[in-house]
């Protein structure tokens, strides 16, 4: 007598496909997590019934211990950082995902010893379900949080000295290379750069991209001034460049905020842009379209950076193991170069 072949159990992916939702959303419904809209919850439950899906007991146990809040922590002690166009857009991206759940978003500045201790206490006592970390510097002690707390941790950008398991980043090095190649293609031969903070991964990667492009072109890459990603920092660094290299004819600036300050200094010095000096920034924030002249820059998808960080964190909270993600960058040509 022939034995009957056991029926294959449906998978979580099949449930998600049947319900028309993401895998992480299906997982949150199945695990009775509170962070899903009513429509998605009903669609997943219908799919579970239709397919006869049986939830994994271990994953279910993990997902039922949530408190309903996640943290976006930035390694900085200036409250104005959250008003910076870059970080403001990241917050918008994060919120665009969380608003489809019942999760609250908490913002934290954590550079001082007290700020770091407060954040660690928050996570160790499980007053949040997960954390997104950004703008870490050098040997920042916050980098060790991923191994010290039980909640999921996603990094926004890769820290300088190690590569975390879960992160979302932009192609900073490739974008900087594109910016510098654009200046080279325009016939600029005395090209300088204003870096961001080089104790941050993004700042160092953009400097390396600048150096890559000039090495290929056979041009000098020693015209370097260090900035801090701020408008004032860009102004100061541009003044120093003009003092040291009065014949420079192009400059790649590692953030649009710094480029705004640099353009002001060039104008005050009587240097026309792009006639005397070609200028390329990085980030493509809204104000880049309104400088005089409009700023040629590297677009990184800032909104998507925040959005994908939040999606990755939700996936981890649902018991999944997502892969790291590097978002593409592209050159946006306007009037400054």
Protein backbone atom coordinates (compact mmCIF):
# COMPACT_ATOMS: atom_id res chain seq x y z
CA UNK A 1 0.00 0.00 0.00
CA UNK A 2 1.48 3.36 -1.03
CA UNK A 3 2.15 5.85 1.71
CA UNK A 4 0.66 9.29 1.38
CA UNK A 5 3.18 12.06 0.79
CA UNK A 6 3.09 14.55 3.71
CA UNK A 7 1.59 17.87 2.75
CA UNK A 8 4.17 20.69 2.52
CA UNK A 9 3.60 23.40 5.08
CA UNK A 10 2.98 26.89 3.62
CA UNK A 11 5.71 29.46 4.25
CA UNK A 12 5.58 32.96 5.67
CA UNK A 13 6.53 34.30 2.23
CA UNK A 14 3.47 32.61 0.74
CA UNK A 15 1.24 34.11 3.42
CA UNK A 16 2.66 37.58 2.70
CA UNK A 17 2.17 37.14 -1.05
CA UNK A 18 -1.42 35.95 -0.61
CA UNK A 19 -2.18 38.90 1.71
CA UNK A 20 -0.44 41.44 -0.51
CA UNK A 21 1.81 42.70 2.28
CA UNK A 22 5.53 42.59 3.10
CA UNK A 23 7.05 39.58 4.82
CA UNK A 24 7.77 41.66 7.94
CA UNK A 25 4.16 42.89 8.11
CA UNK A 26 2.86 39.33 7.83
CA UNK A 27 5.24 38.23 10.58
CA UNK A 28 4.09 41.01 12.91
CA UNK A 29 0.43 40.03 12.43
CA UNK A 30 1.12 36.33 12.98
CA UNK A 31 3.12 37.11 16.12
CA UNK A 32 0.34 39.37 17.46
CA UNK A 33 2.57 42.44 17.44
CA UNK A 34 0.56 45.66 17.83
CA UNK A 35 2.27 47.64 15.07
CA UNK A 36 0.15 46.82 12.00
CA UNK A 37 -2.85 48.53 10.40
CA UNK A 38 -6.26 46.89 10.68
CA UNK A 39 -6.52 46.30 6.92
CA UNK A 40 -3.18 44.49 6.76
CA UNK A 41 -4.00 42.49 9.87
CA UNK A 42 -7.26 41.27 8.37
CA UNK A 43 -5.61 40.43 5.02
CA UNK A 44 -2.92 38.36 6.72
CA UNK A 45 -5.39 36.50 8.89
CA UNK A 46 -7.44 35.59 5.82
CA UNK A 47 -4.29 34.33 4.10
CA UNK A 48 -3.35 32.26 7.16
CA UNK A 49 -6.79 30.65 7.18
CA UNK A 50 -6.77 30.03 3.42
CA UNK A 51 -3.32 28.43 3.41
CA UNK A 52 -3.49 26.66 6.76
CA UNK A 53 -0.29 28.32 7.96
CA UNK A 54 1.01 27.33 11.43
CA UNK A 55 3.17 30.02 13.14
CA UNK A 56 6.63 29.30 14.52
CA UNK A 57 6.35 29.28 18.31
CA UNK A 58 9.84 30.71 18.97
CA UNK A 59 9.38 33.72 16.69
CA UNK A 60 5.96 34.31 18.19
CA UNK A 61 7.40 34.47 21.70
CA UNK A 62 10.01 37.03 20.67
CA UNK A 63 7.49 39.33 19.03
CA UNK A 64 5.00 39.56 21.91
CA UNK A 65 7.37 41.38 24.30
CA UNK A 66 7.31 44.78 22.60
CA UNK A 67 6.63 48.11 24.27
CA UNK A 68 5.63 50.18 21.24
CA UNK A 69 8.55 52.59 20.70
CA UNK A 70 11.84 52.75 18.80
CA UNK A 71 14.75 55.20 19.08
CA UNK A 72 16.64 57.19 16.46
CA UNK A 73 19.89 58.12 18.19
CA UNK A 74 22.42 60.56 16.74
CA UNK A 75 25.92 60.84 18.15
CA UNK A 76 25.87 64.58 18.76
CA UNK A 77 25.19 67.01 21.58
CA UNK A 78 23.68 69.92 19.64
CA UNK A 79 19.84 69.82 19.62
CA UNK A 80 19.93 71.81 16.36
CA UNK A 81 21.18 68.65 14.61
CA UNK A 82 17.59 67.48 14.21
CA UNK A 83 16.85 70.73 12.34
CA UNK A 84 19.75 70.11 9.95
CA UNK A 85 18.22 69.43 6.49
CA UNK A 86 19.95 66.06 6.24
CA UNK A 87 18.82 64.70 9.59
CA UNK A 88 15.39 66.27 9.23
CA UNK A 89 14.88 64.36 5.99
CA UNK A 90 16.10 61.13 7.62
CA UNK A 91 13.48 61.60 10.35
CA UNK A 92 10.79 62.12 7.69
CA UNK A 93 11.86 58.88 5.99
CA UNK A 94 11.82 56.91 9.24
CA UNK A 95 8.42 58.30 10.16
CA UNK A 96 6.95 57.44 6.75
CA UNK A 97 7.38 53.77 7.67
CA UNK A 98 6.50 53.98 11.35
CA UNK A 99 3.26 55.88 10.68
CA UNK A 100 1.91 52.66 9.16
CA UNK A 101 2.42 50.98 12.55
CA UNK A 102 1.53 51.85 16.12
CA UNK A 103 5.18 52.46 17.03
CA UNK A 104 6.27 55.74 18.57
CA UNK A 105 9.56 57.35 17.46
CA UNK A 106 11.88 58.72 20.15
CA UNK A 107 14.78 61.01 19.19
CA UNK A 108 18.00 60.95 21.18
CA UNK A 109 21.26 62.94 21.10
CA UNK A 110 24.01 60.86 22.66
CA UNK A 111 27.55 62.22 22.65
CA UNK A 112 28.05 63.29 26.25
CA UNK A 113 28.69 60.63 28.86
CA UNK A 114 25.33 61.44 30.40
CA UNK A 115 23.54 61.15 27.05
CA UNK A 116 25.15 57.81 26.29
CA UNK A 117 24.29 56.46 29.74
CA UNK A 118 20.69 57.60 29.34
CA UNK A 119 20.38 55.82 25.99
CA UNK A 120 21.98 52.63 27.29
CA UNK A 121 19.68 52.62 30.30
CA UNK A 122 16.68 53.11 28.04
CA UNK A 123 17.63 50.08 25.96
CA UNK A 124 18.90 47.83 28.75
CA UNK A 125 15.62 48.25 30.64
CA UNK A 126 13.70 47.51 27.44
CA UNK A 127 11.89 50.84 27.30
CA UNK A 128 12.24 50.67 23.50
CA UNK A 129 11.91 47.85 21.01
CA UNK A 130 14.88 48.82 18.85
CA UNK A 131 17.32 51.55 17.96
CA UNK A 132 18.71 53.22 14.83
CA UNK A 133 22.18 54.71 15.35
CA UNK A 134 23.65 57.49 13.17
CA UNK A 135 26.68 59.77 12.89
CA UNK A 136 29.07 57.75 15.02
CA UNK A 137 32.60 59.16 15.41
CA UNK A 138 35.87 57.22 15.56
CA UNK A 139 35.85 54.84 18.52
CA UNK A 140 32.40 56.00 19.59
CA UNK A 141 31.26 53.85 22.56
CA UNK A 142 27.76 53.79 21.07
CA UNK A 143 29.09 51.39 18.43
CA UNK A 144 29.29 48.67 21.07
CA UNK A 145 25.57 48.94 21.84
CA UNK A 146 24.69 46.38 19.20
CA UNK A 147 26.51 43.70 21.21
CA UNK A 148 25.44 44.92 24.64
CA UNK A 149 21.67 45.24 24.42
CA UNK A 150 19.00 42.68 23.67
CA UNK A 151 16.95 44.85 21.32
CA UNK A 152 17.64 45.06 17.55
CA UNK A 153 20.11 47.73 16.38
CA UNK A 154 20.36 49.18 12.86
CA UNK A 155 23.16 51.54 11.85
CA UNK A 156 22.55 54.46 9.54
CA UNK A 157 25.88 54.59 7.73
CA UNK A 158 28.86 52.40 8.51
CA UNK A 159 31.07 53.46 11.44
CA UNK A 160 34.69 54.16 10.59
CA UNK A 161 36.38 51.30 12.42
CA UNK A 162 34.08 48.33 11.94
CA UNK A 163 31.27 47.05 9.75
CA UNK A 164 28.10 46.24 11.69
CA UNK A 165 25.86 43.35 10.82
CA UNK A 166 22.80 45.46 10.04
CA UNK A 167 23.16 48.82 8.33
CA UNK A 168 21.80 51.08 5.60
CA UNK A 169 24.32 53.33 3.88
CA UNK A 170 24.78 55.37 0.70
CA UNK A 171 27.57 54.92 -1.82
CA UNK A 172 29.56 57.84 -0.43
CA UNK A 173 32.87 56.91 -2.05
CA UNK A 174 31.32 56.34 -5.45
CA UNK A 175 29.36 59.58 -5.25
CA UNK A 176 32.46 61.60 -4.36
CA UNK A 177 34.29 60.00 -7.25
CA UNK A 178 31.49 61.05 -9.62
CA UNK A 179 31.64 64.63 -8.32
CA UNK A 180 35.40 64.89 -8.78
CA UNK A 181 35.32 63.24 -12.20
CA UNK A 182 32.81 65.89 -13.27
CA UNK A 183 35.25 68.64 -12.32
CA UNK A 184 38.06 66.85 -14.17
CA UNK A 185 35.90 66.44 -17.28
CA UNK A 186 35.20 70.20 -17.22
CA UNK A 187 38.93 70.85 -17.57
CA UNK A 188 39.65 71.71 -13.94
CA UNK A 189 43.22 70.78 -12.98
CA UNK A 190 43.77 72.43 -9.57
CA UNK A 191 40.99 70.74 -7.64
CA UNK A 192 40.58 70.94 -3.87
CA UNK A 193 38.19 69.36 -1.40
CA UNK A 194 36.51 70.36 1.83
CA UNK A 195 35.96 67.15 3.76
CA UNK A 196 33.33 66.33 6.30
CA UNK A 197 34.35 64.91 9.64
CA UNK A 198 36.91 62.26 8.77
CA UNK A 199 36.30 60.42 12.04
CA UNK A 200 32.94 59.46 10.50
CA UNK A 201 32.57 56.77 7.87
CA UNK A 202 30.82 59.06 5.39
CA UNK A 203 33.42 61.80 5.74
CA UNK A 204 36.32 59.43 5.14
CA UNK A 205 34.60 57.64 2.24
CA UNK A 206 33.97 60.94 0.43
CA UNK A 207 37.61 61.95 0.85
CA UNK A 208 38.67 58.59 -0.56
CA UNK A 209 36.37 59.02 -3.56
CA UNK A 210 37.93 62.42 -4.26
CA UNK A 211 41.40 60.90 -4.09
CA UNK A 212 40.39 57.96 -6.30
CA UNK A 213 39.23 60.22 -9.13
CA UNK A 214 42.29 62.45 -9.07
CA UNK A 215 44.64 59.46 -8.95
CA UNK A 216 43.06 58.07 -12.12
CA UNK A 217 43.31 61.51 -13.76
CA UNK A 218 46.95 61.91 -12.72
CA UNK A 219 46.21 65.12 -10.79
CA UNK A 220 47.39 66.36 -7.41
CA UNK A 221 45.02 65.39 -4.58
CA UNK A 222 46.78 67.21 -1.74
CA UNK A 223 44.54 70.32 -1.71
CA UNK A 224 42.51 69.31 1.33
CA UNK A 225 40.81 71.28 4.08
CA UNK A 226 38.77 69.62 6.79
CA UNK A 227 35.26 70.73 7.65
CA UNK A 228 32.49 69.47 9.91
CA UNK A 229 29.45 69.25 7.58
CA UNK A 230 28.16 72.65 8.81
CA UNK A 231 27.68 75.89 6.85
CA UNK A 232 30.11 77.76 9.10
CA UNK A 233 32.62 74.96 8.75
CA UNK A 234 32.39 75.26 4.97
CA UNK A 235 33.00 79.01 5.14
CA UNK A 236 36.09 78.65 7.30
CA UNK A 237 37.54 75.83 5.22
CA UNK A 238 36.98 77.73 1.96
CA UNK A 239 38.78 80.77 3.37
CA UNK A 240 41.74 78.58 4.31
CA UNK A 241 41.81 76.97 0.86
CA UNK A 242 41.91 80.35 -0.88
CA UNK A 243 44.79 81.44 1.35
CA UNK A 244 46.79 78.29 0.68
CA UNK A 245 45.83 77.67 -2.95
CA UNK A 246 44.81 80.99 -4.56
CA UNK A 247 44.97 79.37 -8.02
CA UNK A 248 42.49 76.57 -7.34
CA UNK A 249 39.88 76.16 -10.08
CA UNK A 250 37.58 73.49 -8.67
CA UNK A 251 36.40 72.23 -5.30
CA UNK A 252 34.45 69.19 -4.22
CA UNK A 253 32.66 69.88 -0.94
CA UNK A 254 31.49 66.91 1.11
CA UNK A 255 28.08 68.38 2.01
CA UNK A 256 25.69 70.94 0.57
CA UNK A 257 25.52 72.75 3.90
CA UNK A 258 29.27 73.38 3.73
CA UNK A 259 28.93 74.32 0.04
CA UNK A 260 26.50 77.11 0.95
CA UNK A 261 29.13 78.64 3.20
CA UNK A 262 31.88 78.09 0.64
CA UNK A 263 29.91 79.80 -2.13
CA UNK A 264 29.45 82.85 0.08
CA UNK A 265 33.21 83.07 0.73
CA UNK A 266 34.02 82.67 -2.98
CA UNK A 267 31.64 85.50 -3.80
CA UNK A 268 33.16 87.74 -1.16
CA UNK A 269 36.62 86.98 -2.57
CA UNK A 270 35.53 88.03 -6.06
CA UNK A 271 35.73 84.52 -7.51
CA UNK A 272 33.00 83.74 -10.02
CA UNK A 273 31.29 80.35 -9.95
CA UNK A 274 31.64 78.43 -12.20
CA UNK A 275 33.83 80.80 -14.24
CA UNK A 276 36.81 80.92 -11.88
CA UNK A 277 35.98 77.98 -9.62
CA UNK A 278 33.71 75.01 -10.25
CA UNK A 279 31.88 73.81 -7.13
CA UNK A 280 30.23 70.43 -6.50
CA UNK A 281 28.49 69.50 -3.24
CA UNK A 282 27.02 66.32 -1.77
CA UNK A 283 23.53 65.32 -0.50
CA UNK A 284 21.21 67.32 -2.81
CA UNK A 285 19.24 68.96 -0.02
CA UNK A 286 16.42 71.33 -1.02
CA UNK A 287 18.53 74.48 -0.63
CA UNK A 288 20.99 73.23 -3.28
CA UNK A 289 18.48 74.29 -5.93
CA UNK A 290 18.33 77.84 -4.59
CA UNK A 291 21.97 78.84 -4.17
CA UNK A 292 23.52 81.36 -6.56
CA UNK A 293 24.29 79.69 -8.88
CA UNK A 294 22.25 76.52 -8.26
CA UNK A 295 24.53 73.85 -6.83
CA UNK A 296 25.79 70.89 -8.83
CA UNK A 297 25.79 68.10 -6.27
CA UNK A 298 25.65 64.40 -5.59
CA UNK A 299 22.20 63.12 -4.76
CA UNK A 300 21.99 60.57 -2.04
CA UNK A 301 18.46 59.32 -1.30
CA UNK A 302 18.19 60.76 2.21
CA UNK A 303 14.47 60.02 2.61
CA UNK A 304 15.10 56.44 1.45
CA UNK A 305 17.96 56.12 3.93
CA UNK A 306 15.58 56.81 6.81
CA UNK A 307 12.84 54.69 5.27
CA UNK A 308 15.07 51.65 4.76
CA UNK A 309 16.56 51.95 8.24
CA UNK A 310 13.06 51.77 9.70
CA UNK A 311 12.11 48.85 7.45
CA UNK A 312 15.23 46.96 8.45
CA UNK A 313 14.54 47.56 12.13
CA UNK A 314 10.95 46.32 11.77
CA UNK A 315 12.23 43.21 10.01
CA UNK A 316 14.63 42.50 12.89
CA UNK A 317 11.83 43.05 15.39
CA UNK A 318 9.80 40.48 13.47
CA UNK A 319 12.56 37.89 13.84
CA UNK A 320 13.99 38.21 10.34
CA UNK A 321 17.64 38.62 9.35
CA UNK A 322 17.77 41.27 6.61
CA UNK A 323 20.87 41.95 4.53
CA UNK A 324 22.84 45.22 4.75
CA UNK A 325 21.84 47.77 2.13
CA UNK A 326 23.90 50.35 0.22
CA UNK A 327 21.83 52.94 -1.64
CA UNK A 328 23.05 54.38 -4.96
CA UNK A 329 24.19 57.98 -5.43
CA UNK A 330 24.03 60.04 -8.62
CA UNK A 331 25.35 63.35 -9.94
CA UNK A 332 22.89 66.23 -10.38
CA UNK A 333 24.33 68.88 -12.69
CA UNK A 334 23.24 72.47 -12.13
CA UNK A 335 24.95 75.83 -12.55
CA UNK A 336 27.93 75.72 -10.18
CA UNK A 337 30.06 73.27 -12.18
